[in-house]
Amino acid sequence: MIERMFDHSTEVNAGTPVSEAIKEIADFVAPTSLANEKILPVDKELAALFPAKGIRRGSIVSVSGGASVSLAIALTAEISRGGNWIGVVGLPSLGLSAVSEMGIPLQRWVFIDQPTVQIEESIAVLAAGGDLILLGEETKIAPSQTRRFVARIRAQGSSVIFVTDKNSSQLTFGLDLSLSVKSSKWLGLGMGHGRLSSRRVEVSVS
């Protein structure tokens, strides 16, 4: 299923031919950023994780560990608020309510929940018009397509974050940065009462 988040969502059902679904992605994802924007911004609390204080266009990053989805969402915040396009592929565990509660606008988010056999082509379309793509564990890129995938991402100037709750990403070739969540702790609960207000994570960078 492909879904676009606007005032009301648009869906392409699983029975829709893949070629039509890919065309629909291309029809509503269009480049919005200026060519001279070399760095995609991140919240200042996360900027220290990146040598350029943000996500460099054309780069490929892996985010792994138990709180990987939460960290990946946090990395999209400033990018999304700037009006850029975010693509999410094969990441059904991403909770839209959690994203919205963080104040992240979803108007320019595109979701492909069930990757197809033509996933490389779908990602290529997202990369051509989008700014950042989150790829989940259900996204399988054939080993024979890895180098081509990396070259296309670099050429298009989009960026990719591989998200996995395992200790490392499935992709080893082409990674520019690996962020691994070593521990996490929810804050806000008192002596058996209260509300969760934030999450503190320890992240290693390599």
N, C-alpha and C. Protein backbone atom coordinates (compact mmCIF):
# COMPACT_ATOMS: atom_id res chain seq x y z
N MET A 1 0.84 -1.20 0.00
CA MET A 1 0.00 0.00 0.00
C MET A 1 0.87 1.24 0.00
N ILE A 2 0.50 2.21 -0.82
CA ILE A 2 1.19 3.49 -0.86
C ILE A 2 0.23 4.54 -0.38
N GLU A 3 0.67 5.37 0.53
CA GLU A 3 -0.22 6.36 1.12
C GLU A 3 0.47 7.71 1.17
N ARG A 4 -0.26 8.73 0.81
CA ARG A 4 0.24 10.10 0.88
C ARG A 4 -0.50 10.82 1.99
N MET A 5 0.24 11.51 2.86
CA MET A 5 -0.38 12.20 3.98
C MET A 5 -0.65 13.65 3.62
N PHE A 6 -1.91 13.97 3.30
CA PHE A 6 -2.33 15.35 3.08
C PHE A 6 -3.48 15.62 4.03
N ASP A 7 -4.33 16.62 3.74
CA ASP A 7 -5.48 16.87 4.60
C ASP A 7 -6.34 15.62 4.70
N HIS A 8 -6.46 14.90 3.59
CA HIS A 8 -7.00 13.54 3.65
C HIS A 8 -6.08 12.67 2.81
N SER A 9 -5.86 11.45 3.26
CA SER A 9 -4.83 10.62 2.66
C SER A 9 -5.29 10.04 1.32
N THR A 10 -4.29 9.73 0.48
CA THR A 10 -4.53 9.06 -0.78
C THR A 10 -3.85 7.70 -0.71
N GLU A 11 -4.55 6.66 -1.10
CA GLU A 11 -4.00 5.32 -1.00
C GLU A 11 -4.02 4.62 -2.35
N VAL A 12 -3.01 3.78 -2.54
CA VAL A 12 -3.00 2.86 -3.68
C VAL A 12 -3.04 1.47 -3.09
N ASN A 13 -4.11 0.73 -3.33
CA ASN A 13 -4.28 -0.58 -2.72
C ASN A 13 -3.27 -1.59 -3.24
N ALA A 14 -3.11 -2.67 -2.46
CA ALA A 14 -2.12 -3.68 -2.81
C ALA A 14 -2.39 -4.30 -4.17
N GLY A 15 -3.66 -4.28 -4.63
CA GLY A 15 -3.99 -4.86 -5.92
C GLY A 15 -3.67 -3.98 -7.11
N THR A 16 -3.28 -2.75 -6.85
CA THR A 16 -2.95 -1.84 -7.94
C THR A 16 -1.66 -2.29 -8.62
N PRO A 17 -1.62 -2.32 -9.97
CA PRO A 17 -0.38 -2.70 -10.65
C PRO A 17 0.78 -1.84 -10.19
N VAL A 18 1.95 -2.47 -10.03
CA VAL A 18 3.11 -1.76 -9.50
C VAL A 18 3.47 -0.56 -10.37
N SER A 19 3.39 -0.71 -11.70
CA SER A 19 3.75 0.39 -12.59
C SER A 19 2.86 1.60 -12.36
N GLU A 20 1.56 1.37 -12.10
CA GLU A 20 0.65 2.48 -11.83
C GLU A 20 0.97 3.13 -10.49
N ALA A 21 1.30 2.30 -9.50
CA ALA A 21 1.63 2.82 -8.18
C ALA A 21 2.88 3.70 -8.24
N ILE A 22 3.89 3.25 -8.98
CA ILE A 22 5.12 4.03 -9.10
C ILE A 22 4.85 5.35 -9.81
N LYS A 23 3.99 5.31 -10.85
CA LYS A 23 3.65 6.54 -11.55
C LYS A 23 2.95 7.52 -10.62
N GLU A 24 2.09 7.00 -9.73
CA GLU A 24 1.38 7.89 -8.81
C GLU A 24 2.35 8.56 -7.84
N ILE A 25 3.36 7.82 -7.39
CA ILE A 25 4.38 8.43 -6.53
C ILE A 25 5.03 9.60 -7.27
N ALA A 26 5.44 9.37 -8.51
CA ALA A 26 6.13 10.40 -9.28
C ALA A 26 5.25 11.62 -9.52
N ASP A 27 3.94 11.40 -9.64
CA ASP A 27 3.03 12.51 -9.92
C ASP A 27 2.92 13.50 -8.77
N PHE A 28 3.02 13.01 -7.52
CA PHE A 28 2.83 13.96 -6.43
C PHE A 28 4.08 14.22 -5.59
N VAL A 29 5.19 13.55 -5.89
CA VAL A 29 6.45 13.89 -5.23
C VAL A 29 7.27 14.71 -6.21
N ALA A 30 7.55 15.94 -5.86
CA ALA A 30 8.31 16.82 -6.73
C ALA A 30 9.40 17.50 -5.93
N PRO A 31 10.54 17.79 -6.55
CA PRO A 31 11.62 18.46 -5.83
C PRO A 31 11.16 19.80 -5.27
N THR A 32 11.55 20.09 -4.03
CA THR A 32 11.16 21.36 -3.40
C THR A 32 12.36 22.14 -2.89
N SER A 33 13.51 21.51 -2.78
CA SER A 33 14.65 22.15 -2.15
C SER A 33 15.56 22.80 -3.18
N LEU A 34 16.27 23.81 -2.74
CA LEU A 34 17.24 24.48 -3.59
C LEU A 34 18.49 23.62 -3.72
N ALA A 35 19.11 23.69 -4.88
CA ALA A 35 20.28 22.85 -5.14
C ALA A 35 21.44 23.18 -4.21
N ASN A 36 21.48 24.42 -3.71
CA ASN A 36 22.61 24.81 -2.87
C ASN A 36 22.43 24.42 -1.41
N GLU A 37 21.33 23.75 -1.07
CA GLU A 37 21.14 23.26 0.29
C GLU A 37 21.85 21.92 0.41
N LYS A 38 23.10 21.98 0.81
CA LYS A 38 23.92 20.77 0.86
C LYS A 38 23.65 19.91 2.08
N ILE A 39 23.13 20.52 3.14
CA ILE A 39 22.92 19.82 4.40
C ILE A 39 21.45 19.86 4.78
N LEU A 40 20.88 18.71 5.11
CA LEU A 40 19.52 18.66 5.64
C LEU A 40 19.60 18.89 7.15
N PRO A 41 18.82 19.83 7.68
CA PRO A 41 18.96 20.19 9.10
C PRO A 41 18.38 19.15 10.04
N VAL A 42 18.97 19.06 11.22
CA VAL A 42 18.43 18.24 12.30
C VAL A 42 18.34 19.09 13.55
N ASP A 43 17.57 18.64 14.54
CA ASP A 43 17.46 19.37 15.80
C ASP A 43 18.84 19.58 16.41
N LYS A 44 19.02 20.71 17.07
CA LYS A 44 20.34 21.04 17.61
C LYS A 44 20.85 20.00 18.59
N GLU A 45 19.93 19.31 19.29
CA GLU A 45 20.35 18.27 20.24
C GLU A 45 20.97 17.08 19.52
N LEU A 46 20.66 16.91 18.23
CA LEU A 46 21.16 15.78 17.47
C LEU A 46 22.28 16.15 16.51
N ALA A 47 22.53 17.43 16.35
CA ALA A 47 23.51 17.90 15.36
C ALA A 47 24.91 17.36 15.63
N ALA A 48 25.24 17.16 16.90
CA ALA A 48 26.58 16.69 17.25
C ALA A 48 26.87 15.28 16.74
N LEU A 49 25.83 14.54 16.36
CA LEU A 49 26.02 13.19 15.84
C LEU A 49 26.61 13.20 14.43
N PHE A 50 26.53 14.34 13.76
CA PHE A 50 26.94 14.43 12.36
C PHE A 50 28.13 15.37 12.19
N PRO A 51 29.14 14.96 11.43
CA PRO A 51 30.30 15.83 11.21
C PRO A 51 29.93 17.19 10.62
N ALA A 52 28.90 17.22 9.77
CA ALA A 52 28.47 18.48 9.14
C ALA A 52 27.35 19.15 9.92
N LYS A 53 27.05 18.65 11.13
CA LYS A 53 25.98 19.18 11.99
C LYS A 53 24.59 19.00 11.37
N GLY A 54 24.49 18.13 10.41
CA GLY A 54 23.23 17.81 9.75
C GLY A 54 23.48 16.65 8.79
N ILE A 55 22.44 16.21 8.11
CA ILE A 55 22.56 15.08 7.18
C ILE A 55 22.96 15.60 5.80
N ARG A 56 24.13 15.21 5.36
CA ARG A 56 24.61 15.68 4.06
C ARG A 56 23.80 15.04 2.94
N ARG A 57 23.42 15.85 1.97
CA ARG A 57 22.66 15.32 0.83
C ARG A 57 23.46 14.26 0.10
N GLY A 58 22.77 13.20 -0.29
CA GLY A 58 23.43 12.11 -0.99
C GLY A 58 24.08 11.10 -0.06
N SER A 59 23.95 11.30 1.24
CA SER A 59 24.59 10.38 2.19
C SER A 59 23.65 9.25 2.58
N ILE A 60 24.24 8.17 3.07
CA ILE A 60 23.49 7.00 3.51
C ILE A 60 23.87 6.71 4.95
N VAL A 61 22.86 6.68 5.82
CA VAL A 61 23.07 6.54 7.26
C VAL A 61 22.30 5.32 7.75
N SER A 62 22.87 4.60 8.69
CA SER A 62 22.12 3.52 9.34
C SER A 62 21.83 3.91 10.78
N VAL A 63 20.63 3.58 11.23
CA VAL A 63 20.23 3.80 12.63
C VAL A 63 19.78 2.45 13.16
N SER A 64 20.48 1.93 14.15
CA SER A 64 20.18 0.59 14.66
C SER A 64 20.00 0.61 16.17
N GLY A 65 19.42 -0.48 16.69
CA GLY A 65 19.22 -0.59 18.13
C GLY A 65 17.76 -0.52 18.52
N GLY A 66 17.50 -0.71 19.81
CA GLY A 66 16.14 -0.82 20.31
C GLY A 66 15.26 0.40 20.11
N ALA A 67 15.84 1.59 20.10
CA ALA A 67 15.06 2.82 19.93
C ALA A 67 15.33 3.45 18.56
N SER A 68 15.65 2.61 17.58
CA SER A 68 16.04 3.12 16.27
C SER A 68 14.93 3.90 15.58
N VAL A 69 13.68 3.42 15.70
CA VAL A 69 12.58 4.12 15.04
C VAL A 69 12.37 5.50 15.66
N SER A 70 12.44 5.58 16.98
CA SER A 70 12.28 6.88 17.66
C SER A 70 13.37 7.85 17.24
N LEU A 71 14.61 7.37 17.16
CA LEU A 71 15.71 8.23 16.74
C LEU A 71 15.54 8.67 15.30
N ALA A 72 15.12 7.75 14.43
CA ALA A 72 14.92 8.11 13.02
C ALA A 72 13.84 9.18 12.88
N ILE A 73 12.75 9.05 13.63
CA ILE A 73 11.69 10.06 13.60
C ILE A 73 12.24 11.41 14.04
N ALA A 74 13.01 11.41 15.12
CA ALA A 74 13.58 12.67 15.62
C ALA A 74 14.47 13.33 14.58
N LEU A 75 15.18 12.52 13.78
CA LEU A 75 16.06 13.08 12.76
C LEU A 75 15.29 13.74 11.62
N THR A 76 14.03 13.37 11.44
CA THR A 76 13.24 13.95 10.35
C THR A 76 12.59 15.29 10.71
N ALA A 77 12.57 15.63 12.00
CA ALA A 77 11.75 16.74 12.47
C ALA A 77 12.03 18.05 11.73
N GLU A 78 13.26 18.53 11.78
CA GLU A 78 13.58 19.81 11.16
C GLU A 78 13.48 19.74 9.64
N ILE A 79 13.81 18.59 9.08
CA ILE A 79 13.72 18.42 7.63
C ILE A 79 12.27 18.56 7.18
N SER A 80 11.36 17.91 7.90
CA SER A 80 9.95 17.96 7.56
C SER A 80 9.37 19.35 7.78
N ARG A 81 9.75 19.99 8.87
CA ARG A 81 9.24 21.33 9.16
C ARG A 81 9.68 22.34 8.11
N GLY A 82 10.78 22.04 7.42
CA GLY A 82 11.26 22.93 6.36
C GLY A 82 10.53 22.74 5.05
N GLY A 83 9.51 21.87 5.02
CA GLY A 83 8.72 21.67 3.81
C GLY A 83 9.29 20.66 2.85
N ASN A 84 10.24 19.85 3.31
CA ASN A 84 10.85 18.84 2.45
C ASN A 84 10.04 17.55 2.44
N TRP A 85 10.27 16.73 1.42
CA TRP A 85 9.56 15.46 1.27
C TRP A 85 10.29 14.36 2.03
N ILE A 86 9.51 13.53 2.74
CA ILE A 86 10.03 12.37 3.46
C ILE A 86 9.36 11.12 2.90
N GLY A 87 10.14 10.13 2.50
CA GLY A 87 9.60 8.85 2.06
C GLY A 87 9.87 7.79 3.11
N VAL A 88 8.90 6.93 3.35
CA VAL A 88 9.04 5.84 4.33
C VAL A 88 8.71 4.53 3.63
N VAL A 89 9.65 3.61 3.60
CA VAL A 89 9.47 2.35 2.88
C VAL A 89 9.72 1.17 3.81
N GLY A 90 8.72 0.28 3.92
CA GLY A 90 8.90 -0.94 4.69
C GLY A 90 9.13 -0.71 6.17
N LEU A 91 8.40 0.25 6.75
CA LEU A 91 8.57 0.56 8.17
C LEU A 91 7.20 0.69 8.84
N PRO A 92 6.41 -0.39 8.87
CA PRO A 92 5.06 -0.33 9.43
C PRO A 92 5.02 -0.03 10.92
N SER A 93 6.15 -0.20 11.61
CA SER A 93 6.17 0.06 13.06
C SER A 93 6.23 1.55 13.38
N LEU A 94 6.40 2.38 12.36
CA LEU A 94 6.44 3.82 12.59
C LEU A 94 5.03 4.31 12.91
N GLY A 95 4.83 4.84 14.10
CA GLY A 95 3.51 5.31 14.53
C GLY A 95 3.25 6.74 14.13
N LEU A 96 2.23 6.95 13.31
CA LEU A 96 1.93 8.30 12.84
C LEU A 96 1.51 9.22 13.97
N SER A 97 0.81 8.68 14.97
CA SER A 97 0.39 9.52 16.08
C SER A 97 1.59 10.03 16.85
N ALA A 98 2.61 9.18 16.99
CA ALA A 98 3.83 9.60 17.69
C ALA A 98 4.54 10.70 16.92
N VAL A 99 4.56 10.57 15.59
CA VAL A 99 5.18 11.60 14.75
C VAL A 99 4.44 12.91 14.90
N SER A 100 3.12 12.86 14.82
CA SER A 100 2.31 14.07 14.92
C SER A 100 2.46 14.73 16.29
N GLU A 101 2.53 13.93 17.35
CA GLU A 101 2.66 14.48 18.70
C GLU A 101 3.98 15.20 18.90
N MET A 102 4.97 14.88 18.08
CA MET A 102 6.26 15.57 18.15
C MET A 102 6.24 16.89 17.39
N GLY A 103 5.08 17.23 16.83
CA GLY A 103 4.96 18.48 16.10
C GLY A 103 5.54 18.41 14.70
N ILE A 104 5.67 17.21 14.17
CA ILE A 104 6.23 17.03 12.82
C ILE A 104 5.09 16.99 11.81
N PRO A 105 5.06 17.90 10.84
CA PRO A 105 3.99 17.90 9.84
C PRO A 105 4.11 16.71 8.90
N LEU A 106 2.98 16.11 8.55
CA LEU A 106 2.97 14.92 7.70
C LEU A 106 2.49 15.19 6.28
N GLN A 107 2.31 16.47 5.94
CA GLN A 107 1.75 16.80 4.63
C GLN A 107 2.64 16.35 3.47
N ARG A 108 3.93 16.23 3.70
CA ARG A 108 4.84 15.84 2.62
C ARG A 108 5.54 14.51 2.93
N TRP A 109 4.79 13.62 3.56
CA TRP A 109 5.29 12.27 3.82
C TRP A 109 4.60 11.29 2.87
N VAL A 110 5.37 10.35 2.36
CA VAL A 110 4.84 9.29 1.48
C VAL A 110 5.22 7.95 2.09
N PHE A 111 4.24 7.03 2.19
CA PHE A 111 4.47 5.74 2.83
C PHE A 111 4.27 4.59 1.85
N ILE A 112 5.23 3.68 1.80
CA ILE A 112 5.08 2.42 1.08
C ILE A 112 5.25 1.34 2.13
N ASP A 113 4.13 0.80 2.63
CA ASP A 113 4.18 -0.14 3.75
C ASP A 113 4.63 -1.53 3.32
N GLN A 114 4.27 -1.92 2.11
CA GLN A 114 4.56 -3.27 1.65
C GLN A 114 5.44 -3.20 0.41
N PRO A 115 6.76 -3.26 0.60
CA PRO A 115 7.67 -3.19 -0.56
C PRO A 115 7.37 -4.29 -1.57
N THR A 116 7.52 -3.96 -2.84
CA THR A 116 7.22 -4.91 -3.91
C THR A 116 8.51 -5.38 -4.56
N VAL A 117 8.35 -6.23 -5.54
CA VAL A 117 9.52 -6.74 -6.25
C VAL A 117 10.22 -5.63 -7.02
N GLN A 118 9.55 -4.52 -7.25
CA GLN A 118 10.15 -3.40 -7.95
C GLN A 118 10.53 -2.28 -6.98
N ILE A 119 10.98 -2.68 -5.79
CA ILE A 119 11.25 -1.70 -4.76
C ILE A 119 12.36 -0.74 -5.17
N GLU A 120 13.37 -1.22 -5.92
CA GLU A 120 14.45 -0.33 -6.34
C GLU A 120 13.91 0.82 -7.20
N GLU A 121 12.93 0.50 -8.06
CA GLU A 121 12.35 1.54 -8.91
C GLU A 121 11.53 2.53 -8.09
N SER A 122 10.80 2.02 -7.10
CA SER A 122 10.02 2.91 -6.23
C SER A 122 10.93 3.85 -5.47
N ILE A 123 12.03 3.32 -4.93
CA ILE A 123 12.98 4.16 -4.19
C ILE A 123 13.61 5.18 -5.12
N ALA A 124 13.88 4.79 -6.36
CA ALA A 124 14.48 5.72 -7.31
C ALA A 124 13.57 6.91 -7.56
N VAL A 125 12.26 6.66 -7.66
CA VAL A 125 11.30 7.75 -7.86
C VAL A 125 11.27 8.66 -6.64
N LEU A 126 11.25 8.06 -5.44
CA LEU A 126 11.27 8.87 -4.22
C LEU A 126 12.55 9.69 -4.13
N ALA A 127 13.67 9.11 -4.52
CA ALA A 127 14.94 9.83 -4.45
C ALA A 127 14.99 10.99 -5.43
N ALA A 128 14.34 10.82 -6.59
CA ALA A 128 14.36 11.88 -7.60
C ALA A 128 13.60 13.12 -7.14
N GLY A 129 12.54 12.93 -6.35
CA GLY A 129 11.74 14.08 -5.94
C GLY A 129 11.79 14.36 -4.46
N GLY A 130 12.23 13.39 -3.67
CA GLY A 130 12.22 13.56 -2.22
C GLY A 130 13.56 14.02 -1.68
N ASP A 131 13.57 14.24 -0.37
CA ASP A 131 14.77 14.74 0.29
C ASP A 131 15.39 13.72 1.24
N LEU A 132 14.54 12.95 1.91
CA LEU A 132 15.03 11.94 2.85
C LEU A 132 14.13 10.71 2.77
N ILE A 133 14.74 9.54 2.75
CA ILE A 133 14.00 8.28 2.68
C ILE A 133 14.38 7.42 3.88
N LEU A 134 13.37 6.96 4.62
CA LEU A 134 13.58 6.00 5.70
C LEU A 134 13.28 4.61 5.18
N LEU A 135 14.23 3.71 5.29
CA LEU A 135 14.06 2.34 4.81
C LEU A 135 14.07 1.38 5.99
N GLY A 136 13.01 0.58 6.12
CA GLY A 136 12.92 -0.38 7.21
C GLY A 136 13.48 -1.73 6.85
N GLU A 137 13.46 -2.64 7.81
CA GLU A 137 14.03 -3.97 7.62
C GLU A 137 13.31 -4.77 6.55
N GLU A 138 12.05 -4.44 6.28
CA GLU A 138 11.30 -5.19 5.27
C GLU A 138 11.71 -4.80 3.85
N THR A 139 12.55 -3.79 3.74
CA THR A 139 13.02 -3.36 2.43
C THR A 139 14.27 -4.15 2.08
N LYS A 140 14.17 -5.01 1.11
CA LYS A 140 15.29 -5.86 0.72
C LYS A 140 15.83 -5.40 -0.63
N ILE A 141 17.06 -4.92 -0.63
CA ILE A 141 17.71 -4.52 -1.87
C ILE A 141 18.63 -5.66 -2.30
N ALA A 142 18.44 -6.14 -3.51
CA ALA A 142 19.23 -7.26 -3.99
C ALA A 142 20.71 -6.89 -3.99
N PRO A 143 21.58 -7.81 -3.57
CA PRO A 143 23.02 -7.53 -3.57
C PRO A 143 23.53 -7.01 -4.91
N SER A 144 22.96 -7.53 -5.99
CA SER A 144 23.40 -7.10 -7.32
C SER A 144 23.02 -5.67 -7.63
N GLN A 145 22.06 -5.11 -6.85
CA GLN A 145 21.58 -3.75 -7.09
C GLN A 145 22.17 -2.74 -6.11
N THR A 146 22.98 -3.20 -5.16
CA THR A 146 23.45 -2.31 -4.10
C THR A 146 24.28 -1.15 -4.63
N ARG A 147 25.26 -1.44 -5.46
CA ARG A 147 26.12 -0.37 -5.98
C ARG A 147 25.32 0.62 -6.81
N ARG A 148 24.41 0.11 -7.61
CA ARG A 148 23.57 0.99 -8.42
C ARG A 148 22.69 1.86 -7.54
N PHE A 149 22.16 1.25 -6.47
CA PHE A 149 21.32 1.99 -5.52
C PHE A 149 22.11 3.13 -4.88
N VAL A 150 23.31 2.84 -4.40
CA VAL A 150 24.13 3.87 -3.76
C VAL A 150 24.48 4.98 -4.74
N ALA A 151 24.86 4.61 -5.96
CA ALA A 151 25.22 5.61 -6.97
C ALA A 151 24.03 6.52 -7.30
N ARG A 152 22.84 5.95 -7.37
CA ARG A 152 21.65 6.73 -7.69
C ARG A 152 21.32 7.72 -6.57
N ILE A 153 21.41 7.27 -5.33
CA ILE A 153 21.15 8.16 -4.19
C ILE A 153 22.11 9.34 -4.21
N ARG A 154 23.39 9.06 -4.43
CA ARG A 154 24.39 10.12 -4.45
C ARG A 154 24.11 11.11 -5.59
N ALA A 155 23.76 10.58 -6.75
CA ALA A 155 23.53 11.44 -7.91
C ALA A 155 22.29 12.30 -7.74
N GLN A 156 21.24 11.77 -7.13
CA GLN A 156 19.98 12.50 -6.97
C GLN A 156 20.06 13.53 -5.86
N GLY A 157 20.99 13.36 -4.91
CA GLY A 157 21.09 14.32 -3.81
C GLY A 157 20.08 14.11 -2.71
N SER A 158 19.37 12.99 -2.76
CA SER A 158 18.51 12.63 -1.65
C SER A 158 19.36 11.92 -0.60
N SER A 159 18.82 11.72 0.60
CA SER A 159 19.55 11.00 1.64
C SER A 159 18.71 9.83 2.12
N VAL A 160 19.38 8.82 2.65
CA VAL A 160 18.70 7.60 3.08
C VAL A 160 19.10 7.27 4.51
N ILE A 161 18.11 6.87 5.31
CA ILE A 161 18.37 6.33 6.64
C ILE A 161 17.83 4.91 6.69
N PHE A 162 18.71 3.92 6.88
CA PHE A 162 18.29 2.55 7.11
C PHE A 162 17.96 2.40 8.58
N VAL A 163 16.79 1.86 8.88
CA VAL A 163 16.33 1.73 10.27
C VAL A 163 16.15 0.26 10.61
N THR A 164 16.81 -0.19 11.68
CA THR A 164 16.69 -1.57 12.12
C THR A 164 16.82 -1.65 13.63
N ASP A 165 16.07 -2.57 14.24
CA ASP A 165 16.20 -2.74 15.69
C ASP A 165 17.30 -3.73 16.04
N LYS A 166 17.97 -4.24 15.01
CA LYS A 166 19.12 -5.11 15.25
C LYS A 166 20.36 -4.26 15.54
N ASN A 167 21.50 -4.92 15.71
CA ASN A 167 22.71 -4.19 16.09
C ASN A 167 23.41 -3.53 14.92
N SER A 168 23.02 -3.88 13.70
CA SER A 168 23.66 -3.27 12.54
C SER A 168 22.71 -3.32 11.36
N SER A 169 22.98 -2.47 10.37
CA SER A 169 22.14 -2.39 9.18
C SER A 169 22.46 -3.52 8.22
N GLN A 170 21.49 -3.86 7.35
CA GLN A 170 21.73 -4.87 6.33
C GLN A 170 22.73 -4.38 5.29
N LEU A 171 22.87 -3.08 5.15
CA LEU A 171 23.75 -2.51 4.13
C LEU A 171 25.11 -2.21 4.74
N THR A 172 26.15 -2.67 4.11
CA THR A 172 27.51 -2.37 4.57
C THR A 172 28.23 -1.50 3.55
N PHE A 173 28.04 -1.79 2.27
CA PHE A 173 28.67 -0.98 1.24
C PHE A 173 27.98 0.37 1.12
N GLY A 174 28.76 1.44 1.07
CA GLY A 174 28.20 2.76 0.82
C GLY A 174 27.76 3.54 2.03
N LEU A 175 27.79 2.95 3.23
CA LEU A 175 27.37 3.68 4.42
C LEU A 175 28.34 4.82 4.73
N ASP A 176 27.78 6.00 5.00
CA ASP A 176 28.60 7.14 5.39
C ASP A 176 28.68 7.29 6.90
N LEU A 177 27.65 6.83 7.60
CA LEU A 177 27.60 7.01 9.04
C LEU A 177 26.69 5.95 9.65
N SER A 178 27.10 5.41 10.79
CA SER A 178 26.28 4.44 11.52
C SER A 178 25.98 4.98 12.91
N LEU A 179 24.70 5.06 13.25
CA LEU A 179 24.27 5.48 14.57
C LEU A 179 23.64 4.28 15.26
N SER A 180 24.18 3.91 16.40
CA SER A 180 23.69 2.74 17.12
C SER A 180 23.20 3.14 18.51
N VAL A 181 21.93 2.84 18.79
CA VAL A 181 21.36 3.16 20.10
C VAL A 181 21.80 2.08 21.09
N LYS A 182 22.59 2.48 22.08
CA LYS A 182 23.12 1.54 23.06
C LYS A 182 22.19 1.35 24.24
N SER A 183 21.48 2.40 24.62
CA SER A 183 20.54 2.30 25.74
C SER A 183 19.50 3.40 25.61
N SER A 184 18.35 3.20 26.23
CA SER A 184 17.31 4.23 26.22
C SER A 184 16.55 4.17 27.53
N LYS A 185 16.02 5.32 27.94
CA LYS A 185 15.28 5.40 29.19
C LYS A 185 14.16 6.41 29.05
N TRP A 186 12.94 5.98 29.39
CA TRP A 186 11.81 6.89 29.38
C TRP A 186 11.81 7.73 30.65
N LEU A 187 11.46 9.00 30.51
CA LEU A 187 11.42 9.92 31.64
C LEU A 187 10.00 10.43 31.84
N GLY A 188 9.67 10.77 33.08
CA GLY A 188 8.37 11.38 33.36
C GLY A 188 7.55 10.67 34.40
N LEU A 189 7.80 9.37 34.58
CA LEU A 189 7.04 8.62 35.58
C LEU A 189 7.65 8.81 36.97
N GLY A 190 6.80 9.05 37.95
CA GLY A 190 7.27 9.19 39.32
C GLY A 190 7.14 7.87 40.05
N MET A 191 6.73 7.91 41.29
CA MET A 191 6.54 6.70 42.11
C MET A 191 5.22 6.02 41.74
N GLY A 192 5.22 5.38 40.57
CA GLY A 192 4.04 4.65 40.15
C GLY A 192 2.97 5.49 39.51
N HIS A 193 3.26 6.76 39.22
CA HIS A 193 2.25 7.60 38.59
C HIS A 193 2.96 8.64 37.72
N GLY A 194 2.17 9.39 36.96
CA GLY A 194 2.74 10.40 36.06
C GLY A 194 2.58 9.98 34.61
N ARG A 195 3.16 10.79 33.72
CA ARG A 195 3.08 10.52 32.28
C ARG A 195 4.48 10.53 31.69
N LEU A 196 4.69 9.66 30.70
CA LEU A 196 5.96 9.67 29.99
C LEU A 196 6.09 10.98 29.23
N SER A 197 7.20 11.68 29.42
CA SER A 197 7.35 13.00 28.81
C SER A 197 8.47 13.05 27.78
N SER A 198 9.47 12.18 27.91
CA SER A 198 10.59 12.21 26.97
C SER A 198 11.35 10.89 27.05
N ARG A 199 12.27 10.73 26.13
CA ARG A 199 13.07 9.50 26.09
C ARG A 199 14.53 9.88 25.92
N ARG A 200 15.36 9.39 26.80
CA ARG A 200 16.79 9.67 26.74
C ARG A 200 17.49 8.46 26.13
N VAL A 201 18.32 8.70 25.12
CA VAL A 201 19.02 7.60 24.47
C VAL A 201 20.52 7.86 24.45
N GLU A 202 21.27 6.77 24.51
CA GLU A 202 22.72 6.83 24.36
C GLU A 202 23.06 6.29 22.98
N VAL A 203 23.74 7.10 22.18
CA VAL A 203 24.00 6.74 20.79
C VAL A 203 25.50 6.73 20.52
N SER A 204 25.97 5.66 19.89
CA SER A 204 27.36 5.62 19.45
C SER A 204 27.42 5.90 17.95
N VAL A 205 28.49 6.54 17.52
CA VAL A 205 28.65 6.95 16.13
C VAL A 205 29.88 6.28 15.54
N SER A 206 29.74 5.74 14.36
CA SER A 206 30.90 5.16 13.69
C SER A 206 30.79 5.36 12.18
